[in-house]
Amino acid sequence: MMPPTLAAVSRRALAAFGLLGLIVFNTAPASAETVIALPGAECREVRQALETYVPIAPGFRQLEMPFPENQEQINGSLCRLVAVGTGVHIENEQVRTLTDLQAYMKSALQETGWRETEQTARFAGRSKHGRHVFAVTRNNAICVTTIQVDMVPGATPPKAATEGDTIFLGSLRPFEREWWIAVDCFHF
């Protein structure tokens, strides 16, 4: 089986970010404002914490990108840290599930002073389709983390992993699961 192409991963990343936008902006108050990306040095500090404390193989790429279009007319830019891989790259003795990975991500950010608050709780979300979202804050900045696991495009799941239209991701082999992790950080 061939690994997904960069274009396929990019399309999935953009789709997942669009879903993040729906989660975030359907719960945010309706007031227009501009946000700015976490400065490069601060973003590198977040990246270093994740690469130090989260036991996964791929490192995080650091990008600055425009804030996506949204109903609340929030504009500006954000710093994105992203890691993509199959279960072969992400899963190990410490990280076996989506919940495990979320715990490591939260712990890594809290280790460097980021905290969950009542304000960040509005970003929290969990789908039955393999996506967890949470946010933390520090010094008037927010980092929203989205972790998503899905079946690798083109993979044929074994019959034991399906029931009707439902695919049980835990029944797939590691190379059949695709992980996407993004941390989007910005100042208000």
N, C-alpha and C. Protein backbone atom coordinates (compact mmCIF):
# COMPACT_ATOMS: atom_id res chain seq x y z
N MET A 1 0.84 -1.17 0.00
CA MET A 1 0.00 0.00 0.00
C MET A 1 0.89 1.24 0.00
N MET A 2 0.58 2.21 -0.81
CA MET A 2 1.37 3.44 -0.93
C MET A 2 0.92 4.44 0.13
N PRO A 3 1.85 5.22 0.72
CA PRO A 3 1.45 6.25 1.66
C PRO A 3 0.70 7.36 0.93
N PRO A 4 -0.12 8.15 1.65
CA PRO A 4 -0.85 9.22 0.99
C PRO A 4 0.10 10.25 0.42
N THR A 5 -0.27 10.88 -0.67
CA THR A 5 0.55 11.91 -1.28
C THR A 5 0.47 13.18 -0.46
N LEU A 6 1.43 14.08 -0.65
CA LEU A 6 1.43 15.36 0.04
C LEU A 6 0.17 16.15 -0.31
N ALA A 7 -0.28 16.07 -1.56
CA ALA A 7 -1.50 16.78 -1.96
C ALA A 7 -2.70 16.24 -1.20
N ALA A 8 -2.79 14.92 -1.04
CA ALA A 8 -3.92 14.32 -0.31
C ALA A 8 -3.89 14.75 1.14
N VAL A 9 -2.70 14.76 1.75
CA VAL A 9 -2.57 15.18 3.14
C VAL A 9 -2.94 16.66 3.27
N SER A 10 -2.51 17.49 2.33
CA SER A 10 -2.83 18.92 2.37
C SER A 10 -4.32 19.14 2.26
N ARG A 11 -4.99 18.41 1.36
CA ARG A 11 -6.45 18.55 1.24
C ARG A 11 -7.13 18.18 2.55
N ARG A 12 -6.68 17.10 3.16
CA ARG A 12 -7.27 16.68 4.43
C ARG A 12 -7.00 17.71 5.51
N ALA A 13 -5.79 18.27 5.53
CA ALA A 13 -5.45 19.28 6.53
C ALA A 13 -6.36 20.50 6.38
N LEU A 14 -6.55 20.96 5.16
CA LEU A 14 -7.43 22.10 4.94
C LEU A 14 -8.87 21.78 5.33
N ALA A 15 -9.32 20.59 5.03
CA ALA A 15 -10.68 20.18 5.40
C ALA A 15 -10.81 20.14 6.92
N ALA A 16 -9.82 19.59 7.58
CA ALA A 16 -9.88 19.51 9.04
C ALA A 16 -9.85 20.91 9.65
N PHE A 17 -9.04 21.82 9.07
CA PHE A 17 -9.00 23.18 9.60
C PHE A 17 -10.34 23.86 9.39
N GLY A 18 -10.99 23.57 8.27
CA GLY A 18 -12.34 24.12 8.05
C GLY A 18 -13.30 23.63 9.11
N LEU A 19 -13.16 22.36 9.50
CA LEU A 19 -14.00 21.83 10.58
C LEU A 19 -13.68 22.52 11.89
N LEU A 20 -12.39 22.77 12.15
CA LEU A 20 -12.00 23.49 13.35
C LEU A 20 -12.65 24.86 13.35
N GLY A 21 -12.65 25.53 12.22
CA GLY A 21 -13.27 26.84 12.12
C GLY A 21 -14.74 26.79 12.48
N LEU A 22 -15.43 25.76 12.05
CA LEU A 22 -16.84 25.62 12.38
C LEU A 22 -17.02 25.43 13.88
N ILE A 23 -16.19 24.61 14.50
CA ILE A 23 -16.29 24.38 15.93
C ILE A 23 -16.03 25.68 16.68
N VAL A 24 -14.93 26.35 16.35
CA VAL A 24 -14.52 27.55 17.06
C VAL A 24 -15.50 28.69 16.85
N PHE A 25 -15.85 28.94 15.64
CA PHE A 25 -16.58 30.16 15.37
C PHE A 25 -18.08 30.03 15.52
N ASN A 26 -18.60 28.86 15.63
CA ASN A 26 -20.01 28.73 15.94
C ASN A 26 -20.26 28.91 17.43
N THR A 27 -19.21 28.91 18.25
CA THR A 27 -19.38 29.09 19.68
C THR A 27 -18.83 30.43 20.15
N ALA A 28 -18.15 31.17 19.28
CA ALA A 28 -17.55 32.44 19.67
C ALA A 28 -18.58 33.56 19.60
N PRO A 29 -18.42 34.60 20.42
CA PRO A 29 -19.33 35.73 20.34
C PRO A 29 -19.18 36.43 18.99
N ALA A 30 -20.26 37.04 18.52
CA ALA A 30 -20.27 37.65 17.19
C ALA A 30 -19.71 39.07 17.26
N SER A 31 -18.39 39.21 17.28
CA SER A 31 -17.77 40.53 17.23
C SER A 31 -16.52 40.42 16.37
N ALA A 32 -16.37 41.37 15.45
CA ALA A 32 -15.24 41.34 14.53
C ALA A 32 -13.97 41.78 15.27
N GLU A 33 -12.89 41.07 15.05
CA GLU A 33 -11.61 41.46 15.62
C GLU A 33 -10.48 40.88 14.77
N THR A 34 -9.29 41.41 15.00
CA THR A 34 -8.12 40.95 14.28
C THR A 34 -7.20 40.24 15.26
N VAL A 35 -6.68 39.11 14.85
CA VAL A 35 -5.73 38.36 15.66
C VAL A 35 -4.40 38.33 14.92
N ILE A 36 -3.33 38.14 15.66
CA ILE A 36 -2.01 38.03 15.02
C ILE A 36 -1.37 36.71 15.45
N ALA A 37 -0.60 36.17 14.55
CA ALA A 37 0.09 34.90 14.82
C ALA A 37 1.02 35.05 16.01
N LEU A 38 1.15 33.99 16.75
CA LEU A 38 2.14 33.95 17.81
C LEU A 38 3.49 34.23 17.15
N PRO A 39 4.29 35.16 17.69
CA PRO A 39 5.59 35.46 17.07
C PRO A 39 6.44 34.19 16.90
N GLY A 40 7.29 34.20 15.90
CA GLY A 40 8.10 33.03 15.55
C GLY A 40 8.83 32.40 16.72
N ALA A 41 9.45 33.21 17.58
CA ALA A 41 10.21 32.66 18.71
C ALA A 41 9.28 31.96 19.70
N GLU A 42 8.11 32.55 19.97
CA GLU A 42 7.15 31.92 20.88
C GLU A 42 6.58 30.64 20.27
N CYS A 43 6.34 30.67 18.97
CA CYS A 43 5.82 29.49 18.29
C CYS A 43 6.86 28.37 18.33
N ARG A 44 8.13 28.72 18.14
CA ARG A 44 9.21 27.72 18.22
C ARG A 44 9.29 27.12 19.63
N GLU A 45 9.00 27.94 20.65
CA GLU A 45 8.99 27.44 22.03
C GLU A 45 7.89 26.39 22.22
N VAL A 46 6.71 26.65 21.65
CA VAL A 46 5.61 25.68 21.70
C VAL A 46 6.02 24.42 20.95
N ARG A 47 6.61 24.60 19.79
CA ARG A 47 7.06 23.46 18.98
C ARG A 47 8.08 22.62 19.75
N GLN A 48 9.03 23.28 20.40
CA GLN A 48 10.05 22.57 21.16
C GLN A 48 9.42 21.75 22.29
N ALA A 49 8.43 22.34 22.98
CA ALA A 49 7.75 21.61 24.06
C ALA A 49 7.06 20.37 23.52
N LEU A 50 6.37 20.50 22.40
CA LEU A 50 5.67 19.36 21.81
C LEU A 50 6.66 18.28 21.38
N GLU A 51 7.75 18.69 20.75
CA GLU A 51 8.71 17.70 20.28
C GLU A 51 9.49 17.06 21.43
N THR A 52 9.55 17.74 22.57
CA THR A 52 10.23 17.19 23.75
C THR A 52 9.34 16.23 24.52
N TYR A 53 8.07 16.59 24.71
CA TYR A 53 7.21 15.85 25.63
C TYR A 53 6.17 14.94 24.98
N VAL A 54 5.96 15.04 23.68
CA VAL A 54 4.96 14.19 23.02
C VAL A 54 5.70 13.07 22.29
N PRO A 55 5.51 11.82 22.71
CA PRO A 55 6.31 10.71 22.17
C PRO A 55 5.80 10.17 20.83
N ILE A 56 5.96 10.99 19.78
CA ILE A 56 5.61 10.56 18.43
C ILE A 56 6.82 10.76 17.54
N ALA A 57 6.86 10.04 16.41
CA ALA A 57 8.03 10.08 15.53
C ALA A 57 8.12 11.36 14.69
N PRO A 58 7.03 11.79 14.02
CA PRO A 58 7.22 12.97 13.17
C PRO A 58 7.38 14.23 14.00
N GLY A 59 8.26 15.12 13.51
CA GLY A 59 8.37 16.44 14.13
C GLY A 59 7.24 17.33 13.63
N PHE A 60 7.14 18.51 14.20
CA PHE A 60 6.10 19.46 13.81
C PHE A 60 6.68 20.47 12.83
N ARG A 61 5.96 20.72 11.75
CA ARG A 61 6.32 21.79 10.81
C ARG A 61 5.72 23.07 11.33
N GLN A 62 6.40 24.17 11.17
CA GLN A 62 5.93 25.47 11.65
C GLN A 62 5.61 26.36 10.47
N LEU A 63 4.37 26.85 10.42
CA LEU A 63 3.92 27.70 9.33
C LEU A 63 3.22 28.93 9.88
N GLU A 64 3.27 30.03 9.16
CA GLU A 64 2.41 31.17 9.47
C GLU A 64 1.44 31.28 8.32
N MET A 65 0.16 31.41 8.65
CA MET A 65 -0.86 31.42 7.60
C MET A 65 -1.99 32.38 7.96
N PRO A 66 -2.76 32.81 6.94
CA PRO A 66 -3.89 33.70 7.24
C PRO A 66 -4.98 32.95 8.00
N PHE A 67 -5.66 33.68 8.85
CA PHE A 67 -6.79 33.12 9.57
C PHE A 67 -7.87 32.79 8.54
N PRO A 68 -8.54 31.65 8.66
CA PRO A 68 -9.54 31.28 7.65
C PRO A 68 -10.76 32.20 7.72
N GLU A 69 -11.46 32.31 6.60
CA GLU A 69 -12.70 33.10 6.58
C GLU A 69 -13.68 32.49 7.56
N ASN A 70 -14.46 33.34 8.22
CA ASN A 70 -15.41 32.86 9.22
C ASN A 70 -16.56 33.85 9.38
N GLN A 71 -17.65 33.38 9.98
CA GLN A 71 -18.85 34.20 10.15
C GLN A 71 -18.63 35.37 11.08
N GLU A 72 -17.72 35.22 12.06
CA GLU A 72 -17.50 36.26 13.06
C GLU A 72 -16.60 37.38 12.55
N GLN A 73 -16.15 37.28 11.31
CA GLN A 73 -15.29 38.28 10.67
C GLN A 73 -13.99 38.49 11.44
N ILE A 74 -13.51 37.44 12.08
CA ILE A 74 -12.20 37.50 12.71
C ILE A 74 -11.18 37.31 11.59
N ASN A 75 -10.19 38.20 11.56
CA ASN A 75 -9.17 38.08 10.52
C ASN A 75 -7.80 38.21 11.14
N GLY A 76 -6.78 38.08 10.32
CA GLY A 76 -5.42 38.17 10.79
C GLY A 76 -4.63 36.95 10.38
N SER A 77 -3.74 36.50 11.26
CA SER A 77 -2.88 35.36 10.93
C SER A 77 -2.70 34.49 12.16
N LEU A 78 -2.19 33.28 11.92
CA LEU A 78 -1.92 32.35 13.01
C LEU A 78 -0.66 31.58 12.72
N CYS A 79 -0.06 31.07 13.78
CA CYS A 79 1.10 30.18 13.67
C CYS A 79 0.56 28.77 13.77
N ARG A 80 0.85 27.93 12.80
CA ARG A 80 0.38 26.54 12.83
C ARG A 80 1.57 25.61 12.96
N LEU A 81 1.45 24.69 13.91
CA LEU A 81 2.39 23.58 14.06
C LEU A 81 1.62 22.35 13.64
N VAL A 82 2.15 21.59 12.69
CA VAL A 82 1.41 20.44 12.16
C VAL A 82 2.33 19.22 12.04
N ALA A 83 1.76 18.08 12.41
CA ALA A 83 2.46 16.78 12.24
C ALA A 83 1.46 15.82 11.62
N VAL A 84 1.91 15.07 10.63
CA VAL A 84 1.05 14.12 9.92
C VAL A 84 1.80 12.80 9.80
N GLY A 85 1.08 11.71 9.98
CA GLY A 85 1.69 10.40 9.80
C GLY A 85 0.66 9.30 9.94
N THR A 86 1.07 8.10 9.65
CA THR A 86 0.18 6.95 9.85
C THR A 86 0.37 6.46 11.29
N GLY A 87 -0.39 5.45 11.65
CA GLY A 87 -0.23 4.86 12.97
C GLY A 87 1.17 4.33 13.20
N VAL A 88 1.87 3.97 12.15
CA VAL A 88 3.25 3.50 12.27
C VAL A 88 4.13 4.61 12.85
N HIS A 89 3.85 5.87 12.51
CA HIS A 89 4.64 7.01 12.94
C HIS A 89 4.18 7.58 14.29
N ILE A 90 2.90 7.47 14.57
CA ILE A 90 2.33 8.13 15.75
C ILE A 90 2.16 7.18 16.93
N GLU A 91 1.69 5.99 16.66
CA GLU A 91 1.34 5.06 17.73
C GLU A 91 2.57 4.33 18.25
N ASN A 92 2.56 4.08 19.56
CA ASN A 92 3.67 3.38 20.22
C ASN A 92 3.18 2.90 21.58
N GLU A 93 4.08 2.50 22.47
CA GLU A 93 3.66 2.00 23.77
C GLU A 93 2.99 3.07 24.62
N GLN A 94 3.37 4.34 24.45
CA GLN A 94 2.75 5.42 25.22
C GLN A 94 1.48 5.95 24.56
N VAL A 95 1.46 6.02 23.24
CA VAL A 95 0.32 6.56 22.51
C VAL A 95 -0.36 5.42 21.76
N ARG A 96 -1.47 4.96 22.31
CA ARG A 96 -2.22 3.89 21.68
C ARG A 96 -3.56 4.38 21.14
N THR A 97 -4.06 5.49 21.71
CA THR A 97 -5.38 5.99 21.33
C THR A 97 -5.35 7.50 21.14
N LEU A 98 -6.42 8.01 20.59
CA LEU A 98 -6.60 9.45 20.43
C LEU A 98 -6.59 10.14 21.79
N THR A 99 -7.20 9.52 22.79
CA THR A 99 -7.22 10.08 24.14
C THR A 99 -5.81 10.14 24.72
N ASP A 100 -5.01 9.12 24.48
CA ASP A 100 -3.62 9.14 24.95
C ASP A 100 -2.86 10.31 24.35
N LEU A 101 -3.00 10.49 23.04
CA LEU A 101 -2.27 11.56 22.37
C LEU A 101 -2.73 12.92 22.88
N GLN A 102 -4.02 13.09 23.08
CA GLN A 102 -4.53 14.37 23.61
C GLN A 102 -3.93 14.65 24.98
N ALA A 103 -3.84 13.64 25.83
CA ALA A 103 -3.27 13.82 27.17
C ALA A 103 -1.81 14.26 27.08
N TYR A 104 -1.03 13.66 26.20
CA TYR A 104 0.37 14.06 26.03
C TYR A 104 0.47 15.48 25.49
N MET A 105 -0.39 15.84 24.55
CA MET A 105 -0.37 17.20 23.97
C MET A 105 -0.68 18.23 25.06
N LYS A 106 -1.74 18.01 25.83
CA LYS A 106 -2.11 18.94 26.91
C LYS A 106 -0.98 19.05 27.92
N SER A 107 -0.45 17.92 28.33
CA SER A 107 0.61 17.91 29.33
C SER A 107 1.85 18.67 28.84
N ALA A 108 2.21 18.50 27.58
CA ALA A 108 3.37 19.20 27.02
C ALA A 108 3.16 20.70 27.06
N LEU A 109 1.97 21.15 26.70
CA LEU A 109 1.69 22.59 26.71
C LEU A 109 1.63 23.13 28.14
N GLN A 110 1.02 22.37 29.05
CA GLN A 110 0.94 22.81 30.44
C GLN A 110 2.32 22.85 31.09
N GLU A 111 3.22 22.00 30.65
CA GLU A 111 4.59 21.98 31.17
C GLU A 111 5.29 23.33 30.95
N THR A 112 4.89 24.05 29.90
CA THR A 112 5.51 25.34 29.59
C THR A 112 4.61 26.52 29.92
N GLY A 113 3.63 26.30 30.81
CA GLY A 113 2.85 27.43 31.32
C GLY A 113 1.51 27.69 30.64
N TRP A 114 1.13 26.92 29.66
CA TRP A 114 -0.17 27.09 29.02
C TRP A 114 -1.22 26.44 29.92
N ARG A 115 -2.40 27.08 30.03
CA ARG A 115 -3.45 26.59 30.92
C ARG A 115 -4.81 26.57 30.25
N GLU A 116 -5.63 25.62 30.65
CA GLU A 116 -7.03 25.61 30.23
C GLU A 116 -7.80 26.56 31.15
N THR A 117 -8.72 27.31 30.58
CA THR A 117 -9.54 28.24 31.36
C THR A 117 -10.99 28.12 30.89
N GLU A 118 -11.85 28.88 31.52
CA GLU A 118 -13.24 28.90 31.10
C GLU A 118 -13.34 29.40 29.65
N GLN A 119 -12.51 30.38 29.29
CA GLN A 119 -12.51 30.91 27.92
C GLN A 119 -12.08 29.84 26.91
N THR A 120 -11.06 29.07 27.25
CA THR A 120 -10.58 28.06 26.29
C THR A 120 -11.52 26.87 26.20
N ALA A 121 -12.35 26.67 27.21
CA ALA A 121 -13.28 25.53 27.20
C ALA A 121 -14.26 25.60 26.03
N ARG A 122 -14.53 26.80 25.52
CA ARG A 122 -15.47 26.92 24.39
C ARG A 122 -14.91 26.32 23.10
N PHE A 123 -13.59 26.10 23.07
CA PHE A 123 -12.98 25.51 21.89
C PHE A 123 -12.98 23.98 21.94
N ALA A 124 -13.27 23.42 23.11
CA ALA A 124 -13.19 21.97 23.28
C ALA A 124 -14.26 21.26 22.46
N GLY A 125 -13.88 20.15 21.90
CA GLY A 125 -14.83 19.36 21.13
C GLY A 125 -14.31 17.96 20.89
N ARG A 126 -15.24 17.05 20.74
CA ARG A 126 -14.90 15.66 20.50
C ARG A 126 -15.94 15.13 19.54
N SER A 127 -15.51 14.47 18.52
CA SER A 127 -16.48 13.88 17.61
C SER A 127 -16.38 12.37 17.71
N LYS A 128 -17.45 11.71 17.37
CA LYS A 128 -17.41 10.26 17.37
C LYS A 128 -16.65 9.75 16.14
N HIS A 129 -16.24 10.66 15.27
CA HIS A 129 -15.55 10.30 14.03
C HIS A 129 -14.03 10.46 14.13
N GLY A 130 -13.47 10.47 15.34
CA GLY A 130 -12.02 10.48 15.47
C GLY A 130 -11.37 11.85 15.47
N ARG A 131 -12.00 12.85 16.11
CA ARG A 131 -11.40 14.19 16.18
C ARG A 131 -11.59 14.74 17.59
N HIS A 132 -10.49 15.22 18.20
CA HIS A 132 -10.54 15.90 19.49
C HIS A 132 -9.97 17.30 19.31
N VAL A 133 -10.59 18.27 19.95
CA VAL A 133 -10.13 19.66 19.90
C VAL A 133 -10.09 20.19 21.33
N PHE A 134 -9.02 20.91 21.66
CA PHE A 134 -8.95 21.60 22.95
C PHE A 134 -8.08 22.84 22.76
N ALA A 135 -8.14 23.75 23.72
CA ALA A 135 -7.35 24.98 23.64
C ALA A 135 -6.75 25.30 25.01
N VAL A 136 -5.64 26.00 24.96
CA VAL A 136 -4.97 26.48 26.17
C VAL A 136 -4.58 27.94 25.94
N THR A 137 -4.32 28.66 27.01
CA THR A 137 -3.98 30.07 26.90
C THR A 137 -2.78 30.41 27.78
N ARG A 138 -2.07 31.47 27.37
CA ARG A 138 -0.95 32.01 28.14
C ARG A 138 -0.66 33.40 27.60
N ASN A 139 -0.53 34.38 28.46
CA ASN A 139 -0.16 35.75 28.07
C ASN A 139 -0.99 36.29 26.91
N ASN A 140 -2.30 36.24 27.02
CA ASN A 140 -3.22 36.76 26.01
C ASN A 140 -3.08 36.09 24.65
N ALA A 141 -2.61 34.86 24.65
CA ALA A 141 -2.52 34.07 23.41
C ALA A 141 -3.30 32.78 23.62
N ILE A 142 -3.76 32.22 22.53
CA ILE A 142 -4.48 30.95 22.57
C ILE A 142 -3.84 30.00 21.57
N CYS A 143 -3.73 28.74 21.97
CA CYS A 143 -3.34 27.67 21.05
C CYS A 143 -4.48 26.67 21.02
N VAL A 144 -5.04 26.46 19.83
CA VAL A 144 -6.12 25.50 19.63
C VAL A 144 -5.51 24.27 18.98
N THR A 145 -5.68 23.12 19.64
CA THR A 145 -5.11 21.86 19.15
C THR A 145 -6.22 21.00 18.58
N THR A 146 -6.00 20.50 17.37
CA THR A 146 -6.92 19.57 16.73
C THR A 146 -6.15 18.30 16.43
N ILE A 147 -6.68 17.18 16.90
CA ILE A 147 -6.08 15.87 16.63
C ILE A 147 -7.15 15.06 15.92
N GLN A 148 -6.79 14.54 14.77
CA GLN A 148 -7.76 13.76 14.00
C GLN A 148 -7.11 12.47 13.52
N VAL A 149 -7.87 11.38 13.63
CA VAL A 149 -7.41 10.10 13.10
C VAL A 149 -8.52 9.57 12.19
N ASP A 150 -8.10 9.02 11.06
CA ASP A 150 -9.04 8.53 10.06
C ASP A 150 -8.38 7.36 9.32
N MET A 151 -9.12 6.75 8.45
CA MET A 151 -8.56 5.68 7.64
C MET A 151 -7.75 6.30 6.51
N VAL A 152 -6.61 5.72 6.21
CA VAL A 152 -5.78 6.18 5.10
C VAL A 152 -6.60 6.08 3.81
N PRO A 153 -6.61 7.15 2.99
CA PRO A 153 -7.36 7.08 1.73
C PRO A 153 -6.88 5.92 0.87
N GLY A 154 -7.82 5.19 0.34
CA GLY A 154 -7.50 4.07 -0.54
C GLY A 154 -7.32 2.75 0.18
N ALA A 155 -7.25 2.78 1.51
CA ALA A 155 -7.10 1.53 2.26
C ALA A 155 -8.41 0.76 2.22
N THR A 156 -8.32 -0.55 2.18
CA THR A 156 -9.50 -1.41 2.23
C THR A 156 -9.55 -2.04 3.60
N PRO A 157 -10.54 -1.63 4.41
CA PRO A 157 -10.58 -2.16 5.78
C PRO A 157 -10.97 -3.64 5.79
N PRO A 158 -10.42 -4.41 6.72
CA PRO A 158 -10.85 -5.81 6.84
C PRO A 158 -12.31 -5.87 7.27
N LYS A 159 -12.98 -6.94 6.92
CA LYS A 159 -14.42 -7.07 7.24
C LYS A 159 -14.67 -6.92 8.73
N ALA A 160 -13.75 -7.37 9.57
CA ALA A 160 -13.92 -7.27 11.02
C ALA A 160 -13.90 -5.83 11.51
N ALA A 161 -13.38 -4.90 10.69
CA ALA A 161 -13.28 -3.49 11.08
C ALA A 161 -14.50 -2.68 10.66
N THR A 162 -15.46 -3.30 10.02
CA THR A 162 -16.62 -2.56 9.53
C THR A 162 -17.93 -3.17 10.03
N GLU A 163 -18.89 -2.30 10.16
CA GLU A 163 -20.26 -2.73 10.47
C GLU A 163 -21.17 -1.75 9.74
N GLY A 164 -21.74 -2.19 8.65
CA GLY A 164 -22.52 -1.28 7.80
C GLY A 164 -21.60 -0.24 7.20
N ASP A 165 -21.93 1.04 7.40
CA ASP A 165 -21.09 2.13 6.91
C ASP A 165 -20.06 2.59 7.93
N THR A 166 -20.04 1.98 9.11
CA THR A 166 -19.14 2.38 10.18
C THR A 166 -17.83 1.61 10.08
N ILE A 167 -16.72 2.34 10.17
CA ILE A 167 -15.40 1.73 10.20
C ILE A 167 -14.84 1.93 11.60
N PHE A 168 -14.48 0.85 12.26
CA PHE A 168 -13.91 0.92 13.59
C PHE A 168 -12.39 1.10 13.46
N LEU A 169 -11.92 2.34 13.71
CA LEU A 169 -10.52 2.67 13.49
C LEU A 169 -9.59 1.80 14.34
N GLY A 170 -10.03 1.42 15.53
CA GLY A 170 -9.21 0.58 16.39
C GLY A 170 -8.97 -0.81 15.82
N SER A 171 -9.81 -1.23 14.88
CA SER A 171 -9.66 -2.55 14.27
C SER A 171 -8.76 -2.53 13.04
N LEU A 172 -8.34 -1.34 12.62
CA LEU A 172 -7.44 -1.23 11.48
C LEU A 172 -6.00 -1.46 11.94
N ARG A 173 -5.16 -1.84 11.00
CA ARG A 173 -3.73 -1.97 11.29
C ARG A 173 -3.12 -0.57 11.31
N PRO A 174 -2.03 -0.37 12.05
CA PRO A 174 -1.46 0.98 12.19
C PRO A 174 -1.22 1.70 10.86
N PHE A 175 -0.75 0.99 9.83
CA PHE A 175 -0.47 1.66 8.56
C PHE A 175 -1.75 2.03 7.81
N GLU A 176 -2.91 1.59 8.31
CA GLU A 176 -4.19 1.94 7.69
C GLU A 176 -4.85 3.15 8.36
N ARG A 177 -4.25 3.63 9.46
CA ARG A 177 -4.77 4.81 10.17
C ARG A 177 -3.90 6.01 9.84
N GLU A 178 -4.55 7.14 9.54
CA GLU A 178 -3.86 8.40 9.24
C GLU A 178 -4.12 9.38 10.37
N TRP A 179 -3.07 9.98 10.90
CA TRP A 179 -3.17 10.95 11.98
C TRP A 179 -2.81 12.33 11.46
N TRP A 180 -3.55 13.33 11.93
CA TRP A 180 -3.29 14.74 11.60
C TRP A 180 -3.37 15.52 12.90
N ILE A 181 -2.31 16.22 13.25
CA ILE A 181 -2.24 16.99 14.50
C ILE A 181 -1.87 18.42 14.14
N ALA A 182 -2.68 19.38 14.56
CA ALA A 182 -2.39 20.79 14.30
C ALA A 182 -2.57 21.58 15.58
N VAL A 183 -1.65 22.51 15.80
CA VAL A 183 -1.74 23.43 16.93
C VAL A 183 -1.70 24.82 16.31
N ASP A 184 -2.81 25.56 16.43
CA ASP A 184 -2.95 26.90 15.84
C ASP A 184 -2.89 27.93 16.96
N CYS A 185 -1.85 28.79 16.94
CA CYS A 185 -1.61 29.73 18.02
C CYS A 185 -1.70 31.17 17.51
N PHE A 186 -2.35 32.01 18.30
CA PHE A 186 -2.51 33.42 17.93
C PHE A 186 -2.78 34.27 19.15
N HIS A 187 -2.48 35.57 19.03
CA HIS A 187 -2.78 36.59 20.05
C HIS A 187 -4.03 37.33 19.65
N PHE A 188 -4.83 37.70 20.64
CA PHE A 188 -6.01 38.55 20.38
C PHE A 188 -5.60 39.99 20.39
